[in-house]
Amino acid sequence: MTYTFARVGAAASRMRVEDVYVRARRTWVRLHEKGGKRHEIPCHHKLDAYLHDYIEECRTHVQEAGTGLNPKDWLFPTAKGRSGALTERPMAQPDVHRMIRRRAKAAGIETKIGCHTFRATGITEYLRNGGQLEVAQQMANHESARTTGLYDRCNDQVSLDEVGRILI
């Protein structure tokens, strides 16, 4: 969600293995957005590595179970309880939200984060690093640049040096 600005539904609930593919020697993802819209975007090099490692791990997991990884399988299936056995159902937003909360807690992160945090962080960092608002709008699949502009926090940064100027 961070590297593609994807909504949680498009990333977790609707992606199948075949939605990660190579075109012109570059990995792409196909997102199934709300309203039935398909959105294709090239992968950031880190996302490329993460996805390929994840898919390879999935292949190993299903081979151990005596099955194969099918292109029509959900990319992010749910697990049966704490058994680790995968189901044939995709993760839903509440599943992803619980997973994020568990992982954040385990990492000692006390700030409340959720699914949207990753989309917002990706857009904010892209803009902070000189990205163009119109391109961010396309990447986020927003109808309006105004919506994308709500993520622009570049001018909200108050540095510690500036706060240190308060001499009371």
N, C-alpha and C. Protein backbone atom coordinates (compact mmCIF):
# COMPACT_ATOMS: atom_id res chain seq x y z
N MET A 1 0.82 -1.18 0.00
CA MET A 1 0.00 0.00 0.00
C MET A 1 0.87 1.25 0.00
N THR A 2 2.06 1.15 0.61
CA THR A 2 2.95 2.30 0.67
C THR A 2 3.53 2.63 -0.70
N TYR A 3 3.99 1.63 -1.41
CA TYR A 3 4.69 1.86 -2.68
C TYR A 3 3.74 2.01 -3.87
N THR A 4 2.50 1.64 -3.75
CA THR A 4 1.55 1.76 -4.86
C THR A 4 0.44 2.76 -4.55
N PHE A 5 0.37 3.24 -3.33
CA PHE A 5 -0.70 4.12 -2.84
C PHE A 5 -2.05 3.40 -2.94
N ALA A 6 -2.05 2.08 -2.91
CA ALA A 6 -3.27 1.30 -3.08
C ALA A 6 -4.17 1.38 -1.86
N ARG A 7 -5.45 1.31 -2.11
CA ARG A 7 -6.43 1.17 -1.05
C ARG A 7 -6.33 -0.26 -0.53
N VAL A 8 -6.68 -0.48 0.71
CA VAL A 8 -6.55 -1.81 1.30
C VAL A 8 -7.38 -2.85 0.54
N GLY A 9 -8.55 -2.48 0.10
CA GLY A 9 -9.39 -3.42 -0.65
C GLY A 9 -8.74 -3.85 -1.95
N ALA A 10 -8.11 -2.91 -2.63
CA ALA A 10 -7.46 -3.22 -3.90
C ALA A 10 -6.21 -4.07 -3.69
N ALA A 11 -5.50 -3.82 -2.61
CA ALA A 11 -4.25 -4.54 -2.37
C ALA A 11 -4.48 -5.91 -1.73
N ALA A 12 -5.26 -5.96 -0.70
CA ALA A 12 -5.38 -7.21 0.06
C ALA A 12 -6.57 -8.07 -0.33
N SER A 13 -7.68 -7.46 -0.57
CA SER A 13 -8.92 -8.22 -0.74
C SER A 13 -9.20 -8.68 -2.16
N ARG A 14 -8.57 -8.07 -3.14
CA ARG A 14 -8.95 -8.39 -4.51
C ARG A 14 -7.80 -8.88 -5.39
N MET A 15 -6.57 -8.84 -4.90
CA MET A 15 -5.44 -9.24 -5.74
C MET A 15 -5.28 -10.76 -5.79
N ARG A 16 -5.01 -11.22 -6.97
CA ARG A 16 -4.70 -12.64 -7.18
C ARG A 16 -3.24 -12.76 -7.57
N VAL A 17 -2.72 -13.96 -7.52
CA VAL A 17 -1.31 -14.18 -7.85
C VAL A 17 -0.99 -13.61 -9.23
N GLU A 18 -1.89 -13.79 -10.19
CA GLU A 18 -1.66 -13.31 -11.56
C GLU A 18 -1.63 -11.79 -11.67
N ASP A 19 -2.02 -11.08 -10.62
CA ASP A 19 -2.00 -9.62 -10.64
C ASP A 19 -0.62 -9.05 -10.36
N VAL A 20 0.34 -9.91 -10.12
CA VAL A 20 1.75 -9.52 -10.03
C VAL A 20 2.39 -10.14 -11.26
N TYR A 21 2.86 -9.32 -12.18
CA TYR A 21 3.35 -9.85 -13.45
C TYR A 21 4.53 -9.02 -13.95
N VAL A 22 5.24 -9.57 -14.91
CA VAL A 22 6.39 -8.89 -15.49
C VAL A 22 6.02 -8.43 -16.89
N ARG A 23 6.31 -7.15 -17.15
CA ARG A 23 6.11 -6.57 -18.47
C ARG A 23 7.34 -5.73 -18.79
N ALA A 24 7.97 -6.03 -19.91
CA ALA A 24 9.19 -5.33 -20.33
C ALA A 24 10.25 -5.36 -19.23
N ARG A 25 10.46 -6.55 -18.68
CA ARG A 25 11.49 -6.81 -17.65
C ARG A 25 11.27 -6.02 -16.37
N ARG A 26 10.04 -5.59 -16.14
CA ARG A 26 9.71 -4.84 -14.93
C ARG A 26 8.49 -5.47 -14.29
N THR A 27 8.49 -5.61 -12.96
CA THR A 27 7.33 -6.15 -12.27
C THR A 27 6.27 -5.06 -12.12
N TRP A 28 5.04 -5.45 -12.40
CA TRP A 28 3.88 -4.57 -12.28
C TRP A 28 2.86 -5.23 -11.37
N VAL A 29 1.97 -4.41 -10.81
CA VAL A 29 0.83 -4.94 -10.07
C VAL A 29 -0.45 -4.38 -10.69
N ARG A 30 -1.45 -5.24 -10.71
CA ARG A 30 -2.78 -4.85 -11.18
C ARG A 30 -3.68 -4.76 -9.97
N LEU A 31 -4.20 -3.58 -9.72
CA LEU A 31 -5.07 -3.36 -8.57
C LEU A 31 -6.52 -3.29 -9.06
N HIS A 32 -7.39 -3.92 -8.33
CA HIS A 32 -8.82 -3.92 -8.65
C HIS A 32 -9.47 -2.94 -7.68
N GLU A 33 -9.63 -1.72 -8.15
CA GLU A 33 -10.11 -0.63 -7.31
C GLU A 33 -11.63 -0.66 -7.18
N LYS A 34 -12.12 0.21 -6.31
CA LYS A 34 -13.57 0.31 -6.12
C LYS A 34 -14.23 0.72 -7.44
N GLY A 35 -15.45 0.31 -7.60
CA GLY A 35 -16.18 0.62 -8.82
C GLY A 35 -15.78 -0.26 -10.00
N GLY A 36 -15.05 -1.33 -9.72
CA GLY A 36 -14.64 -2.25 -10.79
C GLY A 36 -13.51 -1.75 -11.66
N LYS A 37 -12.88 -0.65 -11.27
CA LYS A 37 -11.78 -0.10 -12.07
C LYS A 37 -10.50 -0.90 -11.84
N ARG A 38 -9.79 -1.14 -12.93
CA ARG A 38 -8.46 -1.77 -12.83
C ARG A 38 -7.40 -0.70 -12.97
N HIS A 39 -6.38 -0.81 -12.14
CA HIS A 39 -5.31 0.20 -12.11
C HIS A 39 -4.00 -0.57 -12.10
N GLU A 40 -3.16 -0.33 -13.10
CA GLU A 40 -1.88 -1.02 -13.18
C GLU A 40 -0.76 -0.03 -12.94
N ILE A 41 0.22 -0.48 -12.17
CA ILE A 41 1.32 0.41 -11.78
C ILE A 41 2.61 -0.40 -11.68
N PRO A 42 3.73 0.16 -12.15
CA PRO A 42 5.01 -0.54 -11.99
C PRO A 42 5.42 -0.58 -10.53
N CYS A 43 6.16 -1.62 -10.18
CA CYS A 43 6.59 -1.79 -8.78
C CYS A 43 7.86 -1.01 -8.48
N HIS A 44 7.88 -0.39 -7.35
CA HIS A 44 9.10 0.17 -6.78
C HIS A 44 10.06 -1.01 -6.59
N HIS A 45 11.36 -0.78 -6.68
CA HIS A 45 12.30 -1.90 -6.59
C HIS A 45 12.21 -2.66 -5.27
N LYS A 46 11.89 -1.99 -4.18
CA LYS A 46 11.74 -2.70 -2.90
C LYS A 46 10.48 -3.55 -2.91
N LEU A 47 9.38 -3.01 -3.43
CA LEU A 47 8.14 -3.78 -3.53
C LEU A 47 8.35 -4.99 -4.42
N ASP A 48 9.07 -4.83 -5.51
CA ASP A 48 9.39 -5.93 -6.41
C ASP A 48 10.04 -7.07 -5.63
N ALA A 49 11.06 -6.76 -4.86
CA ALA A 49 11.77 -7.78 -4.08
C ALA A 49 10.85 -8.41 -3.03
N TYR A 50 10.07 -7.58 -2.32
CA TYR A 50 9.17 -8.11 -1.29
C TYR A 50 8.13 -9.06 -1.89
N LEU A 51 7.54 -8.67 -3.01
CA LEU A 51 6.51 -9.50 -3.62
C LEU A 51 7.07 -10.82 -4.14
N HIS A 52 8.23 -10.76 -4.78
CA HIS A 52 8.82 -12.00 -5.29
C HIS A 52 9.21 -12.94 -4.16
N ASP A 53 9.75 -12.39 -3.08
CA ASP A 53 10.07 -13.23 -1.91
C ASP A 53 8.80 -13.83 -1.31
N TYR A 54 7.77 -13.02 -1.20
CA TYR A 54 6.50 -13.48 -0.64
C TYR A 54 5.89 -14.59 -1.51
N ILE A 55 5.85 -14.38 -2.80
CA ILE A 55 5.27 -15.38 -3.70
C ILE A 55 6.09 -16.67 -3.67
N GLU A 56 7.39 -16.55 -3.58
CA GLU A 56 8.23 -17.76 -3.50
C GLU A 56 7.95 -18.51 -2.20
N GLU A 57 7.77 -17.78 -1.11
CA GLU A 57 7.42 -18.40 0.17
C GLU A 57 6.06 -19.10 0.07
N CYS A 58 5.11 -18.46 -0.60
CA CYS A 58 3.79 -19.07 -0.80
C CYS A 58 3.91 -20.35 -1.61
N ARG A 59 4.74 -20.32 -2.65
CA ARG A 59 4.96 -21.53 -3.48
C ARG A 59 5.49 -22.67 -2.61
N THR A 60 6.46 -22.37 -1.76
CA THR A 60 7.02 -23.38 -0.87
C THR A 60 5.95 -23.91 0.07
N HIS A 61 5.14 -23.01 0.61
CA HIS A 61 4.09 -23.39 1.56
C HIS A 61 3.06 -24.32 0.91
N VAL A 62 2.61 -23.98 -0.28
CA VAL A 62 1.59 -24.81 -0.92
C VAL A 62 2.17 -26.13 -1.43
N GLN A 63 3.44 -26.14 -1.80
CA GLN A 63 4.08 -27.39 -2.22
C GLN A 63 4.18 -28.36 -1.05
N GLU A 64 4.47 -27.82 0.14
CA GLU A 64 4.53 -28.66 1.33
C GLU A 64 3.16 -29.23 1.66
N ALA A 65 2.12 -28.48 1.29
CA ALA A 65 0.75 -28.95 1.53
C ALA A 65 0.28 -29.91 0.43
N GLY A 66 1.14 -30.11 -0.58
CA GLY A 66 0.81 -31.04 -1.65
C GLY A 66 -0.01 -30.44 -2.77
N THR A 67 -0.06 -29.11 -2.84
CA THR A 67 -0.78 -28.44 -3.92
C THR A 67 0.17 -27.51 -4.64
N GLY A 68 -0.30 -26.85 -5.65
CA GLY A 68 0.50 -25.88 -6.38
C GLY A 68 -0.11 -24.50 -6.27
N LEU A 69 0.70 -23.50 -6.55
CA LEU A 69 0.22 -22.12 -6.52
C LEU A 69 -0.40 -21.81 -7.87
N ASN A 70 -1.68 -21.50 -7.86
CA ASN A 70 -2.44 -21.25 -9.06
C ASN A 70 -2.49 -19.74 -9.31
N PRO A 71 -2.38 -19.29 -10.58
CA PRO A 71 -2.46 -17.85 -10.86
C PRO A 71 -3.77 -17.22 -10.39
N LYS A 72 -4.83 -18.01 -10.28
CA LYS A 72 -6.13 -17.48 -9.85
C LYS A 72 -6.29 -17.48 -8.33
N ASP A 73 -5.30 -18.01 -7.59
CA ASP A 73 -5.36 -18.00 -6.13
C ASP A 73 -5.26 -16.56 -5.62
N TRP A 74 -5.86 -16.33 -4.47
CA TRP A 74 -5.74 -15.01 -3.85
C TRP A 74 -4.30 -14.77 -3.46
N LEU A 75 -3.81 -13.59 -3.70
CA LEU A 75 -2.43 -13.26 -3.35
C LEU A 75 -2.25 -13.22 -1.84
N PHE A 76 -3.27 -12.72 -1.14
CA PHE A 76 -3.21 -12.62 0.31
C PHE A 76 -4.40 -13.35 0.93
N PRO A 77 -4.31 -14.67 1.05
CA PRO A 77 -5.43 -15.42 1.65
C PRO A 77 -5.41 -15.32 3.17
N THR A 78 -6.54 -15.62 3.76
CA THR A 78 -6.62 -15.65 5.22
C THR A 78 -6.01 -16.96 5.72
N ALA A 79 -5.69 -17.00 6.99
CA ALA A 79 -5.18 -18.21 7.62
C ALA A 79 -6.22 -18.74 8.59
N LYS A 80 -6.23 -20.04 8.78
CA LYS A 80 -7.16 -20.67 9.73
C LYS A 80 -6.60 -20.50 11.14
N GLY A 81 -7.22 -19.60 11.88
CA GLY A 81 -6.78 -19.37 13.26
C GLY A 81 -5.30 -19.13 13.35
N ARG A 82 -4.67 -19.78 14.30
CA ARG A 82 -3.22 -19.63 14.47
C ARG A 82 -2.46 -20.83 13.88
N SER A 83 -3.17 -21.65 13.13
CA SER A 83 -2.56 -22.85 12.56
C SER A 83 -1.57 -22.53 11.44
N GLY A 84 -1.77 -21.40 10.78
CA GLY A 84 -0.92 -21.06 9.64
C GLY A 84 -1.41 -21.66 8.34
N ALA A 85 -2.38 -22.55 8.41
CA ALA A 85 -2.94 -23.14 7.19
C ALA A 85 -3.76 -22.08 6.46
N LEU A 86 -3.53 -21.97 5.17
CA LEU A 86 -4.21 -20.94 4.39
C LEU A 86 -5.57 -21.42 3.91
N THR A 87 -6.49 -20.47 3.82
CA THR A 87 -7.84 -20.78 3.34
C THR A 87 -7.92 -20.38 1.86
N GLU A 88 -9.08 -20.53 1.29
CA GLU A 88 -9.32 -20.11 -0.09
C GLU A 88 -10.05 -18.77 -0.13
N ARG A 89 -10.03 -18.04 0.99
CA ARG A 89 -10.68 -16.74 1.07
C ARG A 89 -9.63 -15.63 1.10
N PRO A 90 -9.92 -14.50 0.46
CA PRO A 90 -8.97 -13.38 0.54
C PRO A 90 -9.09 -12.67 1.88
N MET A 91 -8.03 -11.96 2.23
CA MET A 91 -8.08 -11.14 3.44
C MET A 91 -9.07 -10.00 3.22
N ALA A 92 -9.80 -9.67 4.23
CA ALA A 92 -10.70 -8.53 4.20
C ALA A 92 -10.05 -7.39 4.98
N GLN A 93 -10.58 -6.20 4.84
CA GLN A 93 -10.01 -5.04 5.52
C GLN A 93 -9.87 -5.26 7.03
N PRO A 94 -10.86 -5.81 7.71
CA PRO A 94 -10.69 -6.03 9.16
C PRO A 94 -9.54 -7.00 9.47
N ASP A 95 -9.33 -8.00 8.61
CA ASP A 95 -8.21 -8.94 8.81
C ASP A 95 -6.88 -8.19 8.72
N VAL A 96 -6.77 -7.35 7.70
CA VAL A 96 -5.54 -6.58 7.49
C VAL A 96 -5.32 -5.62 8.66
N HIS A 97 -6.39 -4.97 9.08
CA HIS A 97 -6.29 -4.01 10.19
C HIS A 97 -5.79 -4.70 11.46
N ARG A 98 -6.35 -5.87 11.77
CA ARG A 98 -5.90 -6.62 12.97
C ARG A 98 -4.43 -7.03 12.83
N MET A 99 -4.05 -7.46 11.63
CA MET A 99 -2.67 -7.88 11.41
C MET A 99 -1.72 -6.70 11.61
N ILE A 100 -2.07 -5.55 11.07
CA ILE A 100 -1.23 -4.36 11.22
C ILE A 100 -1.10 -3.98 12.69
N ARG A 101 -2.21 -3.98 13.41
CA ARG A 101 -2.18 -3.65 14.83
C ARG A 101 -1.29 -4.61 15.62
N ARG A 102 -1.42 -5.92 15.33
CA ARG A 102 -0.59 -6.92 16.02
C ARG A 102 0.89 -6.68 15.74
N ARG A 103 1.22 -6.46 14.48
CA ARG A 103 2.63 -6.27 14.10
C ARG A 103 3.19 -4.98 14.70
N ALA A 104 2.38 -3.92 14.71
CA ALA A 104 2.84 -2.64 15.28
C ALA A 104 3.09 -2.80 16.77
N LYS A 105 2.19 -3.48 17.44
CA LYS A 105 2.35 -3.70 18.89
C LYS A 105 3.60 -4.52 19.16
N ALA A 106 3.81 -5.57 18.39
CA ALA A 106 5.00 -6.42 18.56
C ALA A 106 6.29 -5.65 18.31
N ALA A 107 6.22 -4.65 17.43
CA ALA A 107 7.40 -3.84 17.12
C ALA A 107 7.59 -2.69 18.11
N GLY A 108 6.65 -2.56 19.06
CA GLY A 108 6.76 -1.51 20.05
C GLY A 108 6.27 -0.15 19.55
N ILE A 109 5.53 -0.15 18.47
CA ILE A 109 4.98 1.11 17.94
C ILE A 109 3.70 1.42 18.69
N GLU A 110 3.68 2.53 19.38
CA GLU A 110 2.52 2.89 20.18
C GLU A 110 1.53 3.77 19.44
N THR A 111 2.00 4.42 18.37
CA THR A 111 1.12 5.26 17.57
C THR A 111 0.06 4.38 16.92
N LYS A 112 -1.19 4.83 16.96
CA LYS A 112 -2.25 4.07 16.30
C LYS A 112 -2.06 4.16 14.80
N ILE A 113 -1.91 3.01 14.18
CA ILE A 113 -1.80 2.98 12.73
C ILE A 113 -2.82 1.99 12.19
N GLY A 114 -3.18 2.17 10.97
CA GLY A 114 -4.14 1.29 10.32
C GLY A 114 -3.81 1.14 8.86
N CYS A 115 -4.73 0.62 8.11
CA CYS A 115 -4.54 0.35 6.70
C CYS A 115 -4.22 1.62 5.91
N HIS A 116 -4.94 2.69 6.22
CA HIS A 116 -4.78 3.93 5.46
C HIS A 116 -3.44 4.60 5.73
N THR A 117 -2.81 4.27 6.85
CA THR A 117 -1.52 4.86 7.20
C THR A 117 -0.50 4.64 6.09
N PHE A 118 -0.51 3.46 5.48
CA PHE A 118 0.48 3.12 4.47
C PHE A 118 0.26 3.92 3.19
N ARG A 119 -1.00 4.06 2.78
CA ARG A 119 -1.34 4.86 1.59
C ARG A 119 -0.94 6.31 1.83
N ALA A 120 -1.30 6.84 2.99
CA ALA A 120 -1.00 8.23 3.32
C ALA A 120 0.51 8.46 3.40
N THR A 121 1.23 7.53 3.99
CA THR A 121 2.69 7.66 4.10
C THR A 121 3.34 7.65 2.72
N GLY A 122 2.90 6.75 1.85
CA GLY A 122 3.46 6.68 0.50
C GLY A 122 3.26 7.98 -0.26
N ILE A 123 2.05 8.50 -0.24
CA ILE A 123 1.75 9.74 -0.96
C ILE A 123 2.53 10.90 -0.36
N THR A 124 2.53 11.00 0.96
CA THR A 124 3.25 12.09 1.63
C THR A 124 4.73 12.06 1.30
N GLU A 125 5.35 10.89 1.38
CA GLU A 125 6.79 10.79 1.09
C GLU A 125 7.10 11.07 -0.37
N TYR A 126 6.24 10.61 -1.26
CA TYR A 126 6.43 10.90 -2.68
C TYR A 126 6.43 12.42 -2.90
N LEU A 127 5.46 13.11 -2.34
CA LEU A 127 5.38 14.57 -2.51
C LEU A 127 6.54 15.27 -1.80
N ARG A 128 6.90 14.80 -0.62
CA ARG A 128 8.00 15.40 0.14
C ARG A 128 9.32 15.29 -0.62
N ASN A 129 9.46 14.26 -1.42
CA ASN A 129 10.70 14.04 -2.17
C ASN A 129 10.64 14.62 -3.58
N GLY A 130 9.75 15.57 -3.79
CA GLY A 130 9.72 16.30 -5.05
C GLY A 130 8.78 15.74 -6.10
N GLY A 131 7.97 14.75 -5.74
CA GLY A 131 7.00 14.21 -6.69
C GLY A 131 5.95 15.23 -7.05
N GLN A 132 5.36 15.07 -8.22
CA GLN A 132 4.35 16.00 -8.70
C GLN A 132 2.96 15.57 -8.25
N LEU A 133 2.15 16.52 -7.85
CA LEU A 133 0.81 16.25 -7.36
C LEU A 133 -0.03 15.51 -8.40
N GLU A 134 0.08 15.89 -9.65
CA GLU A 134 -0.72 15.26 -10.71
C GLU A 134 -0.34 13.79 -10.90
N VAL A 135 0.95 13.49 -10.76
CA VAL A 135 1.40 12.10 -10.87
C VAL A 135 0.94 11.30 -9.66
N ALA A 136 1.03 11.91 -8.48
CA ALA A 136 0.54 11.24 -7.27
C ALA A 136 -0.95 10.95 -7.40
N GLN A 137 -1.69 11.86 -8.00
CA GLN A 137 -3.12 11.66 -8.22
C GLN A 137 -3.36 10.43 -9.09
N GLN A 138 -2.59 10.30 -10.16
CA GLN A 138 -2.72 9.12 -11.03
C GLN A 138 -2.35 7.85 -10.30
N MET A 139 -1.25 7.89 -9.56
CA MET A 139 -0.80 6.71 -8.83
C MET A 139 -1.82 6.28 -7.78
N ALA A 140 -2.42 7.25 -7.10
CA ALA A 140 -3.39 6.95 -6.05
C ALA A 140 -4.77 6.63 -6.63
N ASN A 141 -4.92 6.85 -7.92
CA ASN A 141 -6.19 6.62 -8.61
C ASN A 141 -7.30 7.49 -8.02
N HIS A 142 -6.94 8.75 -7.72
CA HIS A 142 -7.92 9.71 -7.23
C HIS A 142 -8.58 10.41 -8.41
N GLU A 143 -9.84 10.72 -8.28
CA GLU A 143 -10.57 11.46 -9.32
C GLU A 143 -10.09 12.91 -9.39
N SER A 144 -9.72 13.45 -8.24
CA SER A 144 -9.38 14.87 -8.16
C SER A 144 -8.01 15.06 -7.52
N ALA A 145 -7.26 16.02 -8.07
CA ALA A 145 -5.97 16.37 -7.47
C ALA A 145 -6.17 16.99 -6.09
N ARG A 146 -7.34 17.56 -5.89
CA ARG A 146 -7.65 18.16 -4.58
C ARG A 146 -7.62 17.09 -3.48
N THR A 147 -8.16 15.91 -3.77
CA THR A 147 -8.13 14.80 -2.81
C THR A 147 -6.69 14.41 -2.51
N THR A 148 -5.88 14.29 -3.55
CA THR A 148 -4.47 13.93 -3.36
C THR A 148 -3.75 15.01 -2.57
N GLY A 149 -4.10 16.27 -2.82
CA GLY A 149 -3.47 17.39 -2.11
C GLY A 149 -3.67 17.35 -0.61
N LEU A 150 -4.72 16.67 -0.17
CA LEU A 150 -4.95 16.54 1.28
C LEU A 150 -3.83 15.77 1.97
N TYR A 151 -3.07 14.98 1.20
CA TYR A 151 -1.97 14.21 1.77
C TYR A 151 -0.67 15.01 1.83
N ASP A 152 -0.63 16.18 1.23
CA ASP A 152 0.60 16.97 1.14
C ASP A 152 0.88 17.64 2.48
N ARG A 153 1.79 17.07 3.22
CA ARG A 153 2.17 17.59 4.53
C ARG A 153 3.57 18.22 4.52
N CYS A 154 4.08 18.51 3.32
CA CYS A 154 5.44 19.02 3.19
C CYS A 154 5.67 20.31 3.96
N ASN A 155 4.67 21.17 4.01
CA ASN A 155 4.84 22.45 4.70
C ASN A 155 4.44 22.39 6.17
N ASP A 156 4.03 21.23 6.63
CA ASP A 156 3.61 21.09 8.03
C ASP A 156 4.75 20.73 8.97
N GLN A 157 5.91 20.49 8.42
CA GLN A 157 7.04 20.06 9.23
C GLN A 157 7.57 21.22 10.07
N VAL A 158 7.62 21.02 11.35
CA VAL A 158 8.23 22.00 12.25
C VAL A 158 9.47 21.32 12.81
N SER A 159 10.61 21.89 12.54
CA SER A 159 11.85 21.23 12.97
C SER A 159 12.13 21.52 14.45
N LEU A 160 12.91 20.65 15.05
CA LEU A 160 13.31 20.82 16.43
C LEU A 160 14.12 22.11 16.59
N ASP A 161 14.90 22.44 15.55
CA ASP A 161 15.68 23.69 15.61
C ASP A 161 14.77 24.90 15.73
N GLU A 162 13.66 24.89 15.00
CA GLU A 162 12.73 26.01 15.04
C GLU A 162 12.06 26.09 16.41
N VAL A 163 11.68 24.97 16.97
CA VAL A 163 11.07 24.95 18.30
C VAL A 163 12.07 25.44 19.34
N GLY A 164 13.34 25.13 19.13
CA GLY A 164 14.39 25.55 20.04
C GLY A 164 14.60 27.07 20.09
N ARG A 165 14.04 27.77 19.12
CA ARG A 165 14.15 29.24 19.10
C ARG A 165 13.23 29.91 20.14
N ILE A 166 12.36 29.12 20.75
CA ILE A 166 11.48 29.68 21.77
C ILE A 166 12.28 29.76 23.06
N LEU A 167 12.70 30.96 23.39
CA LEU A 167 13.58 31.16 24.55
C LEU A 167 12.81 31.83 25.68
N ILE A 168 12.29 31.03 26.53
CA ILE A 168 11.54 31.56 27.67
C ILE A 168 12.27 31.24 28.94
